[in-house]
Amino acid sequence: MDEPTFKQVGKGLFKEIYFRHGGGEGSGWTADYWQKFYEEAELDWRFMVEEPRSAEHNRMFIVTDHKAREHRLFFLTEQAEEDFFRQPGDE
């Protein structure tokens, strides 16, 4: 599996990608969520993005790393998302 390749972007580009790929109300990536968690981000936080690797990478995720002071936005495939949430004993 390829290693993630994040690039640092400005908050404006991060926001544009968030709204373009986020999916809105159905996905939970709403304007209210943006306002609450990202709009008022402290100045020394970095915004990192890994663009979708293919058309199948259409599930957006954001990880907030408090130690690194980074917000990381990336995309998984539907299967990778399902695998991510699979619990031991799931069929």
C-alpha atoms as a PDB file:
ATOM      1  CA  MET A   1       0.000   0.000   0.000  1.00  0.00           C
ATOM      2  CA  ASP A   2       1.290   3.445  -0.879  1.00  0.00           C
ATOM      3  CA  GLU A   3       2.252   5.765   1.928  1.00  0.00           C
ATOM      4  CA  PRO A   4       0.095   8.893   2.328  1.00  0.00           C
ATOM      5  CA  THR A   5       1.498  12.021   0.725  1.00  0.00           C
ATOM      6  CA  PHE A   6       0.213  15.062   2.547  1.00  0.00           C
ATOM      7  CA  LYS A   7       1.008  18.582   1.484  1.00  0.00           C
ATOM      8  CA  GLN A   8       0.624  21.663   3.596  1.00  0.00           C
ATOM      9  CA  VAL A   9      -1.964  24.100   2.257  1.00  0.00           C
ATOM     10  CA  GLY A  10      -3.418  27.383   3.373  1.00  0.00           C
ATOM     11  CA  LYS A  11      -6.596  27.443   5.375  1.00  0.00           C
ATOM     12  CA  GLY A  12      -8.490  28.833   2.357  1.00  0.00           C
ATOM     13  CA  LEU A  13      -7.602  25.874   0.124  1.00  0.00           C
ATOM     14  CA  PHE A  14      -8.327  23.424   2.951  1.00  0.00           C
ATOM     15  CA  LYS A  15     -11.768  25.018   3.323  1.00  0.00           C
ATOM     16  CA  GLU A  16     -12.404  24.859  -0.432  1.00  0.00           C
ATOM     17  CA  ILE A  17     -11.532  21.128  -0.509  1.00  0.00           C
ATOM     18  CA  TYR A  18     -13.645  20.524   2.612  1.00  0.00           C
ATOM     19  CA  PHE A  19     -16.746  22.012   0.999  1.00  0.00           C
ATOM     20  CA  ARG A  20     -16.107  20.619  -2.492  1.00  0.00           C
ATOM     21  CA  HIS A  21     -15.651  17.024  -1.329  1.00  0.00           C
ATOM     22  CA  GLY A  22     -17.344  16.999   2.073  1.00  0.00           C
ATOM     23  CA  GLY A  23     -20.868  16.139   1.030  1.00  0.00           C
ATOM     24  CA  GLY A  24     -22.773  18.498   3.342  1.00  0.00           C
ATOM     25  CA  GLU A  25     -25.585  17.490   5.692  1.00  0.00           C
ATOM     26  CA  GLY A  26     -25.646  13.788   4.795  1.00  0.00           C
ATOM     27  CA  SER A  27     -21.985  13.327   5.612  1.00  0.00           C
ATOM     28  CA  GLY A  28     -21.767  15.621   8.637  1.00  0.00           C
ATOM     29  CA  TRP A  29     -19.231  17.896   6.934  1.00  0.00           C
ATOM     30  CA  THR A  30     -21.433  20.983   7.231  1.00  0.00           C
ATOM     31  CA  ALA A  31     -20.815  24.719   7.423  1.00  0.00           C
ATOM     32  CA  ASP A  32     -21.643  24.561  11.146  1.00  0.00           C
ATOM     33  CA  TYR A  33     -19.028  21.847  11.671  1.00  0.00           C
ATOM     34  CA  TRP A  34     -16.460  23.911   9.740  1.00  0.00           C
ATOM     35  CA  GLN A  35     -17.233  26.972  11.853  1.00  0.00           C
ATOM     36  CA  LYS A  36     -16.973  25.071  15.136  1.00  0.00           C
ATOM     37  CA  PHE A  37     -13.750  23.157  14.497  1.00  0.00           C
ATOM     38  CA  TYR A  38     -11.744  24.873  11.749  1.00  0.00           C
ATOM     39  CA  GLU A  39     -12.738  28.495  11.191  1.00  0.00           C
ATOM     40  CA  GLU A  40     -11.301  29.630  14.499  1.00  0.00           C
ATOM     41  CA  ALA A  41      -8.232  27.389  14.385  1.00  0.00           C
ATOM     42  CA  GLU A  42      -5.220  28.836  16.123  1.00  0.00           C
ATOM     43  CA  LEU A  43      -2.725  30.540  13.848  1.00  0.00           C
ATOM     44  CA  ASP A  44       0.103  28.066  14.468  1.00  0.00           C
ATOM     45  CA  TRP A  45      -1.928  25.037  13.330  1.00  0.00           C
ATOM     46  CA  ARG A  46      -1.114  23.558   9.923  1.00  0.00           C
ATOM     47  CA  PHE A  47      -3.618  22.382   7.345  1.00  0.00           C
ATOM     48  CA  MET A  48      -2.536  19.233   5.494  1.00  0.00           C
ATOM     49  CA  VAL A  49      -4.257  17.597   2.512  1.00  0.00           C
ATOM     50  CA  GLU A  50      -3.853  14.338   0.666  1.00  0.00           C
ATOM     51  CA  GLU A  51      -5.857  14.623  -2.560  1.00  0.00           C
ATOM     52  CA  PRO A  52      -7.996  11.630  -3.624  1.00  0.00           C
ATOM     53  CA  ARG A  53      -5.748   8.963  -5.178  1.00  0.00           C
ATOM     54  CA  SER A  54      -8.483   7.851  -7.582  1.00  0.00           C
ATOM     55  CA  ALA A  55     -12.171   8.365  -8.333  1.00  0.00           C
ATOM     56  CA  GLU A  56     -12.901   5.553  -5.859  1.00  0.00           C
ATOM     57  CA  HIS A  57     -11.274   7.551  -3.041  1.00  0.00           C
ATOM     58  CA  ASN A  58     -14.441   9.505  -2.319  1.00  0.00           C
ATOM     59  CA  ARG A  59     -14.850   9.181   1.461  1.00  0.00           C
ATOM     60  CA  MET A  60     -13.437  12.274   3.159  1.00  0.00           C
ATOM     61  CA  PHE A  61     -11.867  12.086   6.602  1.00  0.00           C
ATOM     62  CA  ILE A  62     -10.154  14.674   8.781  1.00  0.00           C
ATOM     63  CA  VAL A  63      -7.811  13.810  11.617  1.00  0.00           C
ATOM     64  CA  THR A  64      -6.820  16.438  14.153  1.00  0.00           C
ATOM     65  CA  ASP A  65      -3.386  15.833  15.664  1.00  0.00           C
ATOM     66  CA  HIS A  66      -3.029  18.027  18.743  1.00  0.00           C
ATOM     67  CA  LYS A  67       0.605  17.112  19.335  1.00  0.00           C
ATOM     68  CA  ALA A  68       1.664  18.037  15.771  1.00  0.00           C
ATOM     69  CA  ARG A  69      -0.913  20.882  15.684  1.00  0.00           C
ATOM     70  CA  GLU A  70      -2.223  19.698  12.321  1.00  0.00           C
ATOM     71  CA  HIS A  71      -5.557  19.083  10.687  1.00  0.00           C
ATOM     72  CA  ARG A  72      -5.123  16.320   8.057  1.00  0.00           C
ATOM     73  CA  LEU A  73      -7.770  15.890   5.361  1.00  0.00           C
ATOM     74  CA  PHE A  74      -7.645  12.713   3.272  1.00  0.00           C
ATOM     75  CA  PHE A  75      -9.825  10.308   1.315  1.00  0.00           C
ATOM     76  CA  LEU A  76     -10.511   6.581   1.531  1.00  0.00           C
ATOM     77  CA  THR A  77     -12.359   4.182  -0.725  1.00  0.00           C
ATOM     78  CA  GLU A  78     -15.730   2.850   0.392  1.00  0.00           C
ATOM     79  CA  GLN A  79     -14.132  -0.534   1.144  1.00  0.00           C
ATOM     80  CA  ALA A  80     -11.304   1.051   3.157  1.00  0.00           C
ATOM     81  CA  GLU A  81     -13.886   3.015   5.151  1.00  0.00           C
ATOM     82  CA  GLU A  82     -15.837  -0.160   5.909  1.00  0.00           C
ATOM     83  CA  ASP A  83     -12.631  -1.958   6.901  1.00  0.00           C
ATOM     84  CA  PHE A  84     -11.649   0.951   9.148  1.00  0.00           C
ATOM     85  CA  PHE A  85     -14.839   0.633  11.190  1.00  0.00           C
ATOM     86  CA  ARG A  86     -14.907  -3.171  11.277  1.00  0.00           C
ATOM     87  CA  GLN A  87     -14.836  -4.602  14.805  1.00  0.00           C
ATOM     88  CA  PRO A  88     -13.367  -7.961  15.846  1.00  0.00           C
ATOM     89  CA  GLY A  89     -16.046 -10.600  15.311  1.00  0.00           C
ATOM     90  CA  ASP A  90     -17.840  -8.702  12.522  1.00  0.00           C
ATOM     91  CA  GLU A  91     -18.714 -10.866   9.555  1.00  0.00           C
END
